[in-house]
Amino acid sequence: MRAEVAAWIGLLVVASAMQMPAAGQTAAASTQAVVLLPITLHVAQSGSAPVVDDAFIRERIARANEIFAVHRVQFAVNVQKPLAERHAAMQTRADRDALGEYFTRGTIHLFCVASLRDVDEADRMRRGVHWRSTTHPGAHYVILSSIAGVDVLAHELGHYLGNPEHSEVPGNLMSYEHTEVTPFLDAAQAARLRRRLRTYLSTRELVPLPAQ
């Protein structure tokens, strides 16, 4: 796994360095260093097998990196841990809160589970959520269901990085309405992302990975 993680990080840094500035992006912004944020990946087990495979994770992280490249932010798994089967089916708020026991500072914690039930509408299944634990102060993390589409991780990372509200603009990363364009953040959302990221970095809640 260490060799695979190193390979992922190397590929992400190379790909990030090759990104061209987006239309309207200033020259200063386009020359900012890429911030490579670490993800600690927890994959729930079902019997003797994980609920998602490596390809599932790679595809969703690659998509998040495509979407966030214009903001000079990238993500890479640097630690992967199995998650006990008791966490595979997220049914209640208490189930979500319980994941706070695994939270540590310095990294984004991503939990992949088999199912994620809506805590307000019991007959609805969710694909992902950015969750703040009420039982473990300060703990927050992303939970991703095995039915999550390719853009869901990026959407939840958008919440994680300072954009709690949803958008009604089709195609916006924080909207539920998809279009043919690559999901985007508007100027106000991008500004919130930059502010939140500065806070995370200054407090060392997130500690970037070094360039490879």
N, C-alpha and C. Protein backbone atom coordinates (compact mmCIF):
# COMPACT_ATOMS: atom_id res chain seq x y z
N MET A 1 0.82 -1.20 0.00
CA MET A 1 0.00 0.00 0.00
C MET A 1 0.86 1.26 0.00
N ARG A 2 2.03 1.26 0.72
CA ARG A 2 2.87 2.45 0.76
C ARG A 2 3.37 2.82 -0.63
N ALA A 3 3.76 1.82 -1.41
CA ALA A 3 4.23 2.10 -2.76
C ALA A 3 3.12 2.70 -3.61
N GLU A 4 1.91 2.16 -3.46
CA GLU A 4 0.78 2.67 -4.23
C GLU A 4 0.46 4.10 -3.84
N VAL A 5 0.47 4.39 -2.52
CA VAL A 5 0.21 5.75 -2.06
C VAL A 5 1.24 6.71 -2.62
N ALA A 6 2.52 6.32 -2.57
CA ALA A 6 3.57 7.18 -3.09
C ALA A 6 3.38 7.45 -4.57
N ALA A 7 2.95 6.43 -5.29
CA ALA A 7 2.71 6.61 -6.72
C ALA A 7 1.56 7.58 -6.96
N TRP A 8 0.48 7.44 -6.17
CA TRP A 8 -0.66 8.36 -6.30
C TRP A 8 -0.20 9.79 -6.07
N ILE A 9 0.57 10.02 -5.00
CA ILE A 9 1.00 11.37 -4.66
C ILE A 9 1.86 11.95 -5.79
N GLY A 10 2.79 11.16 -6.28
CA GLY A 10 3.65 11.62 -7.36
C GLY A 10 2.87 12.01 -8.59
N LEU A 11 1.90 11.18 -8.97
CA LEU A 11 1.09 11.47 -10.14
C LEU A 11 0.26 12.72 -9.94
N LEU A 12 -0.28 12.92 -8.73
CA LEU A 12 -1.11 14.08 -8.47
C LEU A 12 -0.30 15.36 -8.53
N VAL A 13 0.91 15.35 -7.99
CA VAL A 13 1.73 16.55 -8.02
C VAL A 13 2.11 16.91 -9.44
N VAL A 14 2.49 15.92 -10.24
CA VAL A 14 2.83 16.17 -11.63
C VAL A 14 1.64 16.73 -12.39
N ALA A 15 0.45 16.09 -12.19
CA ALA A 15 -0.75 16.55 -12.88
C ALA A 15 -1.11 17.96 -12.47
N SER A 16 -0.95 18.27 -11.18
CA SER A 16 -1.30 19.60 -10.69
C SER A 16 -0.40 20.66 -11.31
N ALA A 17 0.87 20.36 -11.41
CA ALA A 17 1.82 21.32 -11.96
C ALA A 17 1.53 21.63 -13.41
N MET A 18 0.84 20.72 -14.10
CA MET A 18 0.56 20.90 -15.51
C MET A 18 -0.75 21.63 -15.76
N GLN A 19 -1.52 21.94 -14.69
CA GLN A 19 -2.81 22.59 -14.88
C GLN A 19 -2.62 23.99 -15.43
N MET A 20 -3.42 24.37 -16.43
CA MET A 20 -3.39 25.71 -16.99
C MET A 20 -4.36 26.60 -16.22
N PRO A 21 -4.09 27.92 -16.15
CA PRO A 21 -5.03 28.82 -15.48
C PRO A 21 -6.38 28.80 -16.14
N ALA A 22 -7.43 28.88 -15.34
CA ALA A 22 -8.78 28.94 -15.88
C ALA A 22 -9.06 30.34 -16.40
N ALA A 23 -10.07 30.46 -17.25
CA ALA A 23 -10.45 31.75 -17.78
C ALA A 23 -10.78 32.69 -16.63
N GLY A 24 -10.20 33.89 -16.65
CA GLY A 24 -10.47 34.87 -15.61
C GLY A 24 -9.58 34.73 -14.40
N GLN A 25 -8.76 33.71 -14.35
CA GLN A 25 -7.87 33.53 -13.21
C GLN A 25 -6.68 34.47 -13.35
N THR A 26 -6.27 35.13 -12.27
CA THR A 26 -5.17 36.07 -12.34
C THR A 26 -3.85 35.34 -12.48
N ALA A 27 -2.85 36.05 -12.98
CA ALA A 27 -1.53 35.45 -13.12
C ALA A 27 -0.97 35.05 -11.76
N ALA A 28 -1.24 35.89 -10.74
CA ALA A 28 -0.74 35.58 -9.40
C ALA A 28 -1.34 34.29 -8.90
N ALA A 29 -2.66 34.13 -9.09
CA ALA A 29 -3.32 32.91 -8.62
C ALA A 29 -2.78 31.70 -9.34
N SER A 30 -2.50 31.85 -10.64
CA SER A 30 -2.08 30.70 -11.43
C SER A 30 -0.68 30.23 -11.06
N THR A 31 0.11 31.10 -10.36
CA THR A 31 1.46 30.70 -9.99
C THR A 31 1.56 30.31 -8.52
N GLN A 32 0.47 30.34 -7.80
CA GLN A 32 0.49 29.90 -6.41
C GLN A 32 0.85 28.42 -6.34
N ALA A 33 1.56 28.07 -5.28
CA ALA A 33 1.93 26.67 -5.11
C ALA A 33 0.69 25.82 -4.88
N VAL A 34 0.74 24.63 -5.41
CA VAL A 34 -0.35 23.68 -5.19
C VAL A 34 -0.28 23.17 -3.75
N VAL A 35 -1.40 23.17 -3.06
CA VAL A 35 -1.48 22.63 -1.71
C VAL A 35 -2.01 21.21 -1.81
N LEU A 36 -1.21 20.26 -1.39
CA LEU A 36 -1.58 18.85 -1.48
C LEU A 36 -2.05 18.38 -0.10
N LEU A 37 -3.35 18.16 0.02
CA LEU A 37 -3.94 17.83 1.32
C LEU A 37 -4.02 16.33 1.53
N PRO A 38 -3.60 15.86 2.70
CA PRO A 38 -3.62 14.42 2.97
C PRO A 38 -5.01 13.93 3.34
N ILE A 39 -5.30 12.73 2.89
CA ILE A 39 -6.54 12.04 3.26
C ILE A 39 -6.18 10.76 3.99
N THR A 40 -6.75 10.59 5.18
CA THR A 40 -6.67 9.30 5.86
C THR A 40 -7.94 8.55 5.53
N LEU A 41 -7.78 7.45 4.86
CA LEU A 41 -8.91 6.69 4.31
C LEU A 41 -9.25 5.51 5.22
N HIS A 42 -10.51 5.46 5.63
CA HIS A 42 -11.01 4.36 6.45
C HIS A 42 -12.08 3.63 5.62
N VAL A 43 -11.86 2.39 5.30
CA VAL A 43 -12.80 1.63 4.47
C VAL A 43 -13.44 0.54 5.31
N ALA A 44 -14.75 0.62 5.45
CA ALA A 44 -15.47 -0.38 6.25
C ALA A 44 -15.38 -1.76 5.61
N GLN A 45 -15.36 -2.75 6.45
CA GLN A 45 -15.32 -4.14 6.00
C GLN A 45 -16.73 -4.74 6.03
N SER A 46 -16.99 -5.61 5.09
CA SER A 46 -18.23 -6.38 5.08
C SER A 46 -17.82 -7.84 4.92
N GLY A 47 -17.92 -8.60 5.99
CA GLY A 47 -17.35 -9.94 5.97
C GLY A 47 -15.84 -9.82 5.90
N SER A 48 -15.25 -10.42 4.90
CA SER A 48 -13.79 -10.38 4.75
C SER A 48 -13.35 -9.40 3.67
N ALA A 49 -14.30 -8.63 3.11
CA ALA A 49 -13.97 -7.75 1.99
C ALA A 49 -14.32 -6.30 2.31
N PRO A 50 -13.59 -5.35 1.74
CA PRO A 50 -13.94 -3.94 1.92
C PRO A 50 -15.21 -3.60 1.14
N VAL A 51 -15.93 -2.58 1.58
CA VAL A 51 -17.20 -2.23 0.93
C VAL A 51 -16.98 -1.52 -0.41
N VAL A 52 -15.80 -0.95 -0.62
CA VAL A 52 -15.43 -0.37 -1.92
C VAL A 52 -14.00 -0.81 -2.23
N ASP A 53 -13.66 -0.81 -3.52
CA ASP A 53 -12.30 -1.21 -3.89
C ASP A 53 -11.43 0.01 -4.18
N ASP A 54 -10.15 -0.24 -4.45
CA ASP A 54 -9.22 0.86 -4.68
C ASP A 54 -9.61 1.70 -5.90
N ALA A 55 -10.17 1.05 -6.92
CA ALA A 55 -10.55 1.78 -8.13
C ALA A 55 -11.63 2.81 -7.83
N PHE A 56 -12.56 2.45 -6.95
CA PHE A 56 -13.62 3.37 -6.53
C PHE A 56 -13.02 4.63 -5.92
N ILE A 57 -12.04 4.46 -5.03
CA ILE A 57 -11.40 5.58 -4.36
C ILE A 57 -10.58 6.40 -5.35
N ARG A 58 -9.78 5.74 -6.16
CA ARG A 58 -8.92 6.47 -7.11
C ARG A 58 -9.75 7.35 -8.04
N GLU A 59 -10.86 6.81 -8.53
CA GLU A 59 -11.69 7.56 -9.48
C GLU A 59 -12.26 8.82 -8.83
N ARG A 60 -12.71 8.72 -7.60
CA ARG A 60 -13.35 9.86 -6.94
C ARG A 60 -12.32 10.89 -6.50
N ILE A 61 -11.14 10.47 -6.10
CA ILE A 61 -10.10 11.43 -5.76
C ILE A 61 -9.59 12.12 -7.02
N ALA A 62 -9.44 11.37 -8.10
CA ALA A 62 -9.02 11.98 -9.36
C ALA A 62 -10.02 13.03 -9.83
N ARG A 63 -11.30 12.75 -9.66
CA ARG A 63 -12.33 13.70 -10.05
C ARG A 63 -12.28 14.94 -9.16
N ALA A 64 -12.10 14.76 -7.86
CA ALA A 64 -11.96 15.89 -6.96
C ALA A 64 -10.76 16.75 -7.34
N ASN A 65 -9.67 16.11 -7.70
CA ASN A 65 -8.48 16.86 -8.09
C ASN A 65 -8.70 17.63 -9.39
N GLU A 66 -9.46 17.05 -10.30
CA GLU A 66 -9.79 17.76 -11.54
C GLU A 66 -10.60 19.03 -11.22
N ILE A 67 -11.56 18.90 -10.32
CA ILE A 67 -12.44 20.02 -10.00
C ILE A 67 -11.71 21.11 -9.20
N PHE A 68 -10.86 20.71 -8.26
CA PHE A 68 -10.19 21.68 -7.39
C PHE A 68 -8.86 22.19 -7.95
N ALA A 69 -8.44 21.69 -9.10
CA ALA A 69 -7.15 22.10 -9.65
C ALA A 69 -7.07 23.60 -9.87
N VAL A 70 -8.16 24.20 -10.34
CA VAL A 70 -8.17 25.64 -10.59
C VAL A 70 -7.94 26.44 -9.32
N HIS A 71 -8.23 25.85 -8.16
CA HIS A 71 -8.04 26.51 -6.88
C HIS A 71 -6.70 26.15 -6.25
N ARG A 72 -5.87 25.43 -7.00
CA ARG A 72 -4.53 25.02 -6.56
C ARG A 72 -4.58 24.16 -5.30
N VAL A 73 -5.60 23.34 -5.22
CA VAL A 73 -5.78 22.39 -4.12
C VAL A 73 -5.90 20.99 -4.71
N GLN A 74 -5.16 20.06 -4.13
CA GLN A 74 -5.22 18.67 -4.56
C GLN A 74 -5.29 17.78 -3.32
N PHE A 75 -5.66 16.53 -3.53
CA PHE A 75 -5.85 15.58 -2.44
C PHE A 75 -5.14 14.28 -2.76
N ALA A 76 -4.62 13.63 -1.73
CA ALA A 76 -3.98 12.33 -1.92
C ALA A 76 -4.14 11.49 -0.66
N VAL A 77 -4.42 10.22 -0.84
CA VAL A 77 -4.46 9.29 0.29
C VAL A 77 -3.02 9.03 0.73
N ASN A 78 -2.74 9.28 2.00
CA ASN A 78 -1.41 8.95 2.50
C ASN A 78 -1.44 7.87 3.57
N VAL A 79 -2.64 7.59 4.09
CA VAL A 79 -2.81 6.50 5.05
C VAL A 79 -4.13 5.82 4.74
N GLN A 80 -4.13 4.49 4.76
CA GLN A 80 -5.38 3.74 4.59
C GLN A 80 -5.51 2.74 5.72
N LYS A 81 -6.73 2.72 6.32
CA LYS A 81 -6.98 1.85 7.46
C LYS A 81 -8.30 1.12 7.26
N PRO A 82 -8.36 -0.16 7.66
CA PRO A 82 -9.66 -0.84 7.64
C PRO A 82 -10.55 -0.30 8.75
N LEU A 83 -11.85 -0.33 8.51
CA LEU A 83 -12.83 0.14 9.47
C LEU A 83 -13.71 -1.03 9.87
N ALA A 84 -13.94 -1.19 11.15
CA ALA A 84 -14.68 -2.35 11.66
C ALA A 84 -16.07 -2.44 11.01
N GLU A 85 -16.53 -3.67 10.83
CA GLU A 85 -17.79 -3.93 10.15
C GLU A 85 -18.98 -3.28 10.85
N ARG A 86 -18.87 -3.02 12.14
CA ARG A 86 -19.98 -2.40 12.85
C ARG A 86 -20.29 -1.00 12.33
N HIS A 87 -19.34 -0.41 11.59
CA HIS A 87 -19.54 0.93 11.03
C HIS A 87 -20.02 0.89 9.58
N ALA A 88 -20.22 -0.28 9.02
CA ALA A 88 -20.52 -0.37 7.59
C ALA A 88 -21.86 0.24 7.22
N ALA A 89 -22.86 0.09 8.08
CA ALA A 89 -24.19 0.64 7.81
C ALA A 89 -24.45 1.81 8.75
N MET A 90 -24.43 3.01 8.20
CA MET A 90 -24.69 4.21 8.97
C MET A 90 -26.20 4.47 9.00
N GLN A 91 -26.83 4.23 10.14
CA GLN A 91 -28.28 4.33 10.25
C GLN A 91 -28.75 5.58 11.01
N THR A 92 -27.98 6.02 11.97
CA THR A 92 -28.44 7.06 12.89
C THR A 92 -27.37 8.14 13.07
N ARG A 93 -27.76 9.23 13.72
CA ARG A 93 -26.79 10.25 14.09
C ARG A 93 -25.69 9.68 14.98
N ALA A 94 -26.08 8.80 15.88
CA ALA A 94 -25.10 8.19 16.78
C ALA A 94 -24.07 7.39 15.99
N ASP A 95 -24.50 6.72 14.93
CA ASP A 95 -23.56 5.97 14.10
C ASP A 95 -22.53 6.91 13.48
N ARG A 96 -23.01 8.04 12.99
CA ARG A 96 -22.10 9.02 12.37
C ARG A 96 -21.18 9.62 13.42
N ASP A 97 -21.75 9.99 14.57
CA ASP A 97 -20.95 10.59 15.64
C ASP A 97 -19.84 9.67 16.10
N ALA A 98 -20.11 8.37 16.12
CA ALA A 98 -19.15 7.40 16.65
C ALA A 98 -17.84 7.39 15.88
N LEU A 99 -17.87 7.81 14.61
CA LEU A 99 -16.64 7.84 13.82
C LEU A 99 -15.67 8.88 14.35
N GLY A 100 -16.16 9.79 15.18
CA GLY A 100 -15.29 10.80 15.76
C GLY A 100 -14.15 10.22 16.59
N GLU A 101 -14.29 9.00 17.04
CA GLU A 101 -13.22 8.39 17.84
C GLU A 101 -11.95 8.19 17.03
N TYR A 102 -12.07 8.18 15.70
CA TYR A 102 -10.91 7.96 14.84
C TYR A 102 -10.28 9.28 14.37
N PHE A 103 -10.90 10.39 14.73
CA PHE A 103 -10.44 11.69 14.23
C PHE A 103 -9.11 12.08 14.84
N THR A 104 -8.22 12.58 14.01
CA THR A 104 -6.97 13.21 14.44
C THR A 104 -6.78 14.46 13.60
N ARG A 105 -6.04 15.40 14.14
CA ARG A 105 -5.76 16.62 13.40
C ARG A 105 -4.66 16.37 12.36
N GLY A 106 -4.60 17.25 11.37
CA GLY A 106 -3.54 17.20 10.38
C GLY A 106 -3.94 16.60 9.05
N THR A 107 -5.10 15.95 9.01
CA THR A 107 -5.50 15.22 7.81
C THR A 107 -7.01 15.25 7.66
N ILE A 108 -7.48 15.07 6.43
CA ILE A 108 -8.90 14.89 6.17
C ILE A 108 -9.23 13.42 6.37
N HIS A 109 -10.18 13.13 7.22
CA HIS A 109 -10.59 11.74 7.41
C HIS A 109 -11.77 11.44 6.50
N LEU A 110 -11.61 10.39 5.69
CA LEU A 110 -12.64 9.95 4.76
C LEU A 110 -13.04 8.53 5.12
N PHE A 111 -14.33 8.35 5.44
CA PHE A 111 -14.87 7.05 5.81
C PHE A 111 -15.74 6.53 4.68
N CYS A 112 -15.39 5.38 4.14
CA CYS A 112 -16.20 4.74 3.10
C CYS A 112 -17.02 3.63 3.75
N VAL A 113 -18.34 3.72 3.58
CA VAL A 113 -19.24 2.77 4.23
C VAL A 113 -20.16 2.14 3.20
N ALA A 114 -20.82 1.08 3.60
CA ALA A 114 -21.72 0.38 2.67
C ALA A 114 -22.98 1.19 2.41
N SER A 115 -23.53 1.80 3.45
CA SER A 115 -24.79 2.55 3.29
C SER A 115 -24.83 3.70 4.28
N LEU A 116 -25.59 4.74 3.90
CA LEU A 116 -25.66 5.96 4.69
C LEU A 116 -27.10 6.46 4.67
N ARG A 117 -27.84 6.15 5.71
CA ARG A 117 -29.25 6.54 5.77
C ARG A 117 -29.39 8.01 6.18
N ASP A 118 -30.33 8.70 5.55
CA ASP A 118 -30.62 10.06 5.93
C ASP A 118 -31.15 10.07 7.37
N VAL A 119 -30.65 10.98 8.20
CA VAL A 119 -31.06 10.97 9.61
C VAL A 119 -32.35 11.75 9.85
N ASP A 120 -32.84 12.43 8.81
CA ASP A 120 -34.10 13.15 8.93
C ASP A 120 -35.24 12.49 8.17
N GLU A 121 -34.91 11.81 7.09
CA GLU A 121 -35.90 11.09 6.27
C GLU A 121 -35.48 9.63 6.21
N ALA A 122 -36.07 8.82 7.04
CA ALA A 122 -35.61 7.45 7.23
C ALA A 122 -35.66 6.59 5.97
N ASP A 123 -36.52 6.95 5.01
CA ASP A 123 -36.64 6.14 3.81
C ASP A 123 -35.70 6.60 2.69
N ARG A 124 -34.81 7.52 3.02
CA ARG A 124 -33.91 8.09 2.02
C ARG A 124 -32.47 7.68 2.33
N MET A 125 -31.75 7.25 1.31
CA MET A 125 -30.34 6.89 1.47
C MET A 125 -29.47 7.99 0.89
N ARG A 126 -28.48 8.40 1.64
CA ARG A 126 -27.55 9.43 1.22
C ARG A 126 -26.33 8.82 0.54
N ARG A 127 -25.67 9.65 -0.27
CA ARG A 127 -24.45 9.22 -0.96
C ARG A 127 -23.19 9.73 -0.27
N GLY A 128 -23.32 10.81 0.45
CA GLY A 128 -22.17 11.35 1.16
C GLY A 128 -22.59 12.45 2.11
N VAL A 129 -21.71 12.78 3.06
CA VAL A 129 -22.01 13.84 4.02
C VAL A 129 -20.70 14.33 4.63
N HIS A 130 -20.64 15.63 4.90
CA HIS A 130 -19.60 16.18 5.77
C HIS A 130 -20.23 16.29 7.15
N TRP A 131 -19.67 15.57 8.11
CA TRP A 131 -20.33 15.42 9.41
C TRP A 131 -19.46 15.96 10.53
N ARG A 132 -20.11 16.68 11.45
CA ARG A 132 -19.45 17.15 12.66
C ARG A 132 -19.99 16.36 13.84
N SER A 133 -19.12 15.65 14.51
CA SER A 133 -19.53 14.80 15.62
C SER A 133 -19.98 15.63 16.81
N THR A 134 -21.10 15.24 17.41
CA THR A 134 -21.58 15.91 18.61
C THR A 134 -21.04 15.26 19.88
N THR A 135 -20.39 14.14 19.74
CA THR A 135 -19.86 13.42 20.90
C THR A 135 -18.34 13.50 21.01
N HIS A 136 -17.69 13.98 19.95
CA HIS A 136 -16.24 14.13 19.95
C HIS A 136 -15.94 15.56 19.50
N PRO A 137 -15.83 16.49 20.43
CA PRO A 137 -15.67 17.91 20.09
C PRO A 137 -14.53 18.15 19.10
N GLY A 138 -14.84 18.94 18.08
CA GLY A 138 -13.83 19.29 17.09
C GLY A 138 -13.69 18.30 15.95
N ALA A 139 -14.26 17.12 16.10
CA ALA A 139 -14.11 16.09 15.07
C ALA A 139 -15.09 16.33 13.93
N HIS A 140 -14.57 16.39 12.73
CA HIS A 140 -15.42 16.44 11.54
C HIS A 140 -14.72 15.71 10.41
N TYR A 141 -15.52 15.18 9.49
CA TYR A 141 -14.98 14.26 8.50
C TYR A 141 -16.00 14.05 7.40
N VAL A 142 -15.55 13.36 6.36
CA VAL A 142 -16.42 13.03 5.23
C VAL A 142 -16.78 11.56 5.30
N ILE A 143 -18.07 11.27 5.12
CA ILE A 143 -18.55 9.89 5.03
C ILE A 143 -19.07 9.69 3.61
N LEU A 144 -18.59 8.66 2.96
CA LEU A 144 -18.97 8.39 1.58
C LEU A 144 -19.59 7.01 1.49
N SER A 145 -20.78 6.93 0.89
CA SER A 145 -21.47 5.66 0.72
C SER A 145 -20.94 4.93 -0.51
N SER A 146 -21.12 3.62 -0.51
CA SER A 146 -20.69 2.80 -1.65
C SER A 146 -21.50 3.10 -2.91
N ILE A 147 -22.63 3.82 -2.78
CA ILE A 147 -23.43 4.17 -3.96
C ILE A 147 -23.10 5.58 -4.45
N ALA A 148 -22.10 6.21 -3.88
CA ALA A 148 -21.76 7.59 -4.24
C ALA A 148 -21.26 7.67 -5.68
N GLY A 149 -21.79 8.63 -6.42
CA GLY A 149 -21.31 8.89 -7.76
C GLY A 149 -19.94 9.54 -7.75
N VAL A 150 -19.39 9.73 -8.93
CA VAL A 150 -18.01 10.16 -9.04
C VAL A 150 -17.79 11.58 -8.52
N ASP A 151 -18.82 12.45 -8.51
CA ASP A 151 -18.66 13.83 -8.07
C ASP A 151 -18.96 14.03 -6.58
N VAL A 152 -19.45 13.01 -5.90
CA VAL A 152 -19.93 13.20 -4.52
C VAL A 152 -18.79 13.56 -3.57
N LEU A 153 -17.65 12.92 -3.69
CA LEU A 153 -16.54 13.25 -2.80
C LEU A 153 -16.15 14.72 -2.94
N ALA A 154 -16.05 15.20 -4.18
CA ALA A 154 -15.69 16.60 -4.40
C ALA A 154 -16.72 17.53 -3.76
N HIS A 155 -17.99 17.20 -3.88
CA HIS A 155 -19.06 18.00 -3.27
C HIS A 155 -18.88 18.06 -1.76
N GLU A 156 -18.63 16.93 -1.13
CA GLU A 156 -18.48 16.92 0.32
C GLU A 156 -17.19 17.63 0.75
N LEU A 157 -16.14 17.54 -0.06
CA LEU A 157 -14.92 18.29 0.23
C LEU A 157 -15.18 19.79 0.10
N GLY A 158 -16.10 20.16 -0.79
CA GLY A 158 -16.51 21.56 -0.87
C GLY A 158 -17.12 22.04 0.43
N HIS A 159 -17.96 21.19 1.05
CA HIS A 159 -18.50 21.52 2.38
C HIS A 159 -17.36 21.63 3.39
N TYR A 160 -16.47 20.66 3.37
CA TYR A 160 -15.35 20.61 4.31
C TYR A 160 -14.51 21.88 4.22
N LEU A 161 -14.35 22.38 3.00
CA LEU A 161 -13.49 23.53 2.76
C LEU A 161 -14.27 24.85 2.72
N GLY A 162 -15.24 24.98 3.61
CA GLY A 162 -15.81 26.29 3.87
C GLY A 162 -17.10 26.66 3.19
N ASN A 163 -17.75 25.72 2.51
CA ASN A 163 -19.00 26.03 1.83
C ASN A 163 -20.12 25.12 2.32
N PRO A 164 -20.75 25.47 3.44
CA PRO A 164 -21.78 24.61 4.03
C PRO A 164 -23.11 24.65 3.29
N GLU A 165 -23.36 25.73 2.56
CA GLU A 165 -24.66 25.88 1.91
C GLU A 165 -24.68 25.24 0.53
N HIS A 166 -25.86 24.78 0.12
CA HIS A 166 -26.03 24.27 -1.23
C HIS A 166 -26.38 25.40 -2.19
N SER A 167 -26.10 25.18 -3.45
CA SER A 167 -26.37 26.17 -4.49
C SER A 167 -27.54 25.72 -5.34
N GLU A 168 -28.27 26.68 -5.87
CA GLU A 168 -29.36 26.38 -6.80
C GLU A 168 -28.93 26.56 -8.25
N VAL A 169 -27.65 26.87 -8.46
CA VAL A 169 -27.12 27.09 -9.81
C VAL A 169 -26.74 25.74 -10.42
N PRO A 170 -27.37 25.34 -11.52
CA PRO A 170 -27.01 24.07 -12.16
C PRO A 170 -25.52 24.03 -12.52
N GLY A 171 -24.89 22.92 -12.22
CA GLY A 171 -23.48 22.76 -12.55
C GLY A 171 -22.54 23.20 -11.46
N ASN A 172 -23.03 23.99 -10.49
CA ASN A 172 -22.19 24.39 -9.37
C ASN A 172 -21.85 23.15 -8.54
N LEU A 173 -20.63 23.11 -8.04
CA LEU A 173 -20.20 21.95 -7.25
C LEU A 173 -21.12 21.70 -6.06
N MET A 174 -21.67 22.76 -5.49
CA MET A 174 -22.49 22.62 -4.30
C MET A 174 -23.97 22.50 -4.64
N SER A 175 -24.29 22.26 -5.90
CA SER A 175 -25.66 22.03 -6.34
C SER A 175 -25.91 20.54 -6.50
N TYR A 176 -27.18 20.17 -6.40
CA TYR A 176 -27.57 18.79 -6.69
C TYR A 176 -27.91 18.59 -8.16
N GLU A 177 -27.92 19.69 -8.92
CA GLU A 177 -28.31 19.61 -10.33
C GLU A 177 -27.06 19.62 -11.21
N HIS A 178 -26.79 18.51 -11.86
CA HIS A 178 -25.59 18.36 -12.67
C HIS A 178 -25.82 18.86 -14.10
N THR A 179 -24.72 19.25 -14.74
CA THR A 179 -24.74 19.61 -16.15
C THR A 179 -23.57 18.90 -16.82
N GLU A 180 -23.33 19.23 -18.08
CA GLU A 180 -22.23 18.61 -18.82
C GLU A 180 -20.88 19.24 -18.50
N VAL A 181 -20.88 20.42 -17.86
CA VAL A 181 -19.62 21.09 -17.55
C VAL A 181 -19.02 20.51 -16.27
N THR A 182 -17.71 20.69 -16.13
CA THR A 182 -17.06 20.28 -14.90
C THR A 182 -17.60 21.12 -13.75
N PRO A 183 -18.02 20.50 -12.65
CA PRO A 183 -18.56 21.27 -11.52
C PRO A 183 -17.59 22.37 -11.08
N PHE A 184 -18.13 23.52 -10.68
CA PHE A 184 -17.32 24.70 -10.40
C PHE A 184 -17.79 25.37 -9.12
N LEU A 185 -16.92 26.19 -8.56
CA LEU A 185 -17.27 27.08 -7.47
C LEU A 185 -17.32 28.50 -8.00
N ASP A 186 -18.29 29.30 -7.54
CA ASP A 186 -18.33 30.69 -7.96
C ASP A 186 -17.31 31.50 -7.14
N ALA A 187 -17.22 32.79 -7.43
CA ALA A 187 -16.19 33.61 -6.81
C ALA A 187 -16.33 33.66 -5.29
N ALA A 188 -17.55 33.80 -4.81
CA ALA A 188 -17.76 33.86 -3.37
C ALA A 188 -17.40 32.54 -2.70
N GLN A 189 -17.76 31.44 -3.34
CA GLN A 189 -17.43 30.12 -2.79
C GLN A 189 -15.92 29.90 -2.79
N ALA A 190 -15.25 30.34 -3.85
CA ALA A 190 -13.80 30.19 -3.93
C ALA A 190 -13.12 31.02 -2.84
N ALA A 191 -13.65 32.19 -2.57
CA ALA A 191 -13.08 33.03 -1.50
C ALA A 191 -13.24 32.36 -0.14
N ARG A 192 -14.41 31.74 0.09
CA ARG A 192 -14.61 31.03 1.36
C ARG A 192 -13.65 29.86 1.46
N LEU A 193 -13.44 29.17 0.36
CA LEU A 193 -12.49 28.06 0.36
C LEU A 193 -11.11 28.55 0.77
N ARG A 194 -10.65 29.66 0.18
CA ARG A 194 -9.32 30.18 0.50
C ARG A 194 -9.21 30.57 1.97
N ARG A 195 -10.26 31.21 2.49
CA ARG A 195 -10.23 31.61 3.90
C ARG A 195 -10.19 30.40 4.82
N ARG A 196 -11.04 29.41 4.53
CA ARG A 196 -11.07 28.22 5.38
C ARG A 196 -9.75 27.46 5.30
N LEU A 197 -9.19 27.37 4.11
CA LEU A 197 -7.93 26.66 3.96
C LEU A 197 -6.82 27.36 4.73
N ARG A 198 -6.78 28.70 4.68
CA ARG A 198 -5.77 29.43 5.44
C ARG A 198 -5.90 29.13 6.93
N THR A 199 -7.14 29.07 7.41
CA THR A 199 -7.36 28.76 8.83
C THR A 199 -6.88 27.35 9.15
N TYR A 200 -7.26 26.40 8.33
CA TYR A 200 -6.82 25.01 8.57
C TYR A 200 -5.30 24.91 8.61
N LEU A 201 -4.64 25.59 7.69
CA LEU A 201 -3.19 25.48 7.61
C LEU A 201 -2.52 26.22 8.76
N SER A 202 -3.04 27.39 9.13
CA SER A 202 -2.41 28.17 10.20
C SER A 202 -2.56 27.49 11.56
N THR A 203 -3.68 26.78 11.76
CA THR A 203 -3.90 26.09 13.03
C THR A 203 -3.37 24.66 13.00
N ARG A 204 -2.89 24.25 11.83
CA ARG A 204 -2.37 22.89 11.61
C ARG A 204 -3.47 21.82 11.78
N GLU A 205 -4.70 22.24 11.58
CA GLU A 205 -5.74 21.23 11.50
C GLU A 205 -5.52 20.37 10.26
N LEU A 206 -4.98 20.98 9.23
CA LEU A 206 -4.52 20.25 8.06
C LEU A 206 -3.04 20.56 7.84
N VAL A 207 -2.25 19.54 7.61
CA VAL A 207 -0.82 19.69 7.35
C VAL A 207 -0.54 19.14 5.96
N PRO A 208 -0.22 20.00 5.00
CA PRO A 208 -0.05 19.53 3.62
C PRO A 208 1.06 18.50 3.49
N LEU A 209 0.91 17.68 2.49
CA LEU A 209 1.98 16.74 2.15
C LEU A 209 3.07 17.49 1.39
N PRO A 210 4.32 17.08 1.55
CA PRO A 210 5.39 17.72 0.81
C PRO A 210 5.34 17.36 -0.66
N ALA A 211 5.81 18.25 -1.51
CA ALA A 211 5.92 17.95 -2.94
C ALA A 211 6.89 16.80 -3.13
N GLN A 212 6.55 15.91 -4.05
CA GLN A 212 7.40 14.74 -4.29
C GLN A 212 8.37 15.02 -5.43
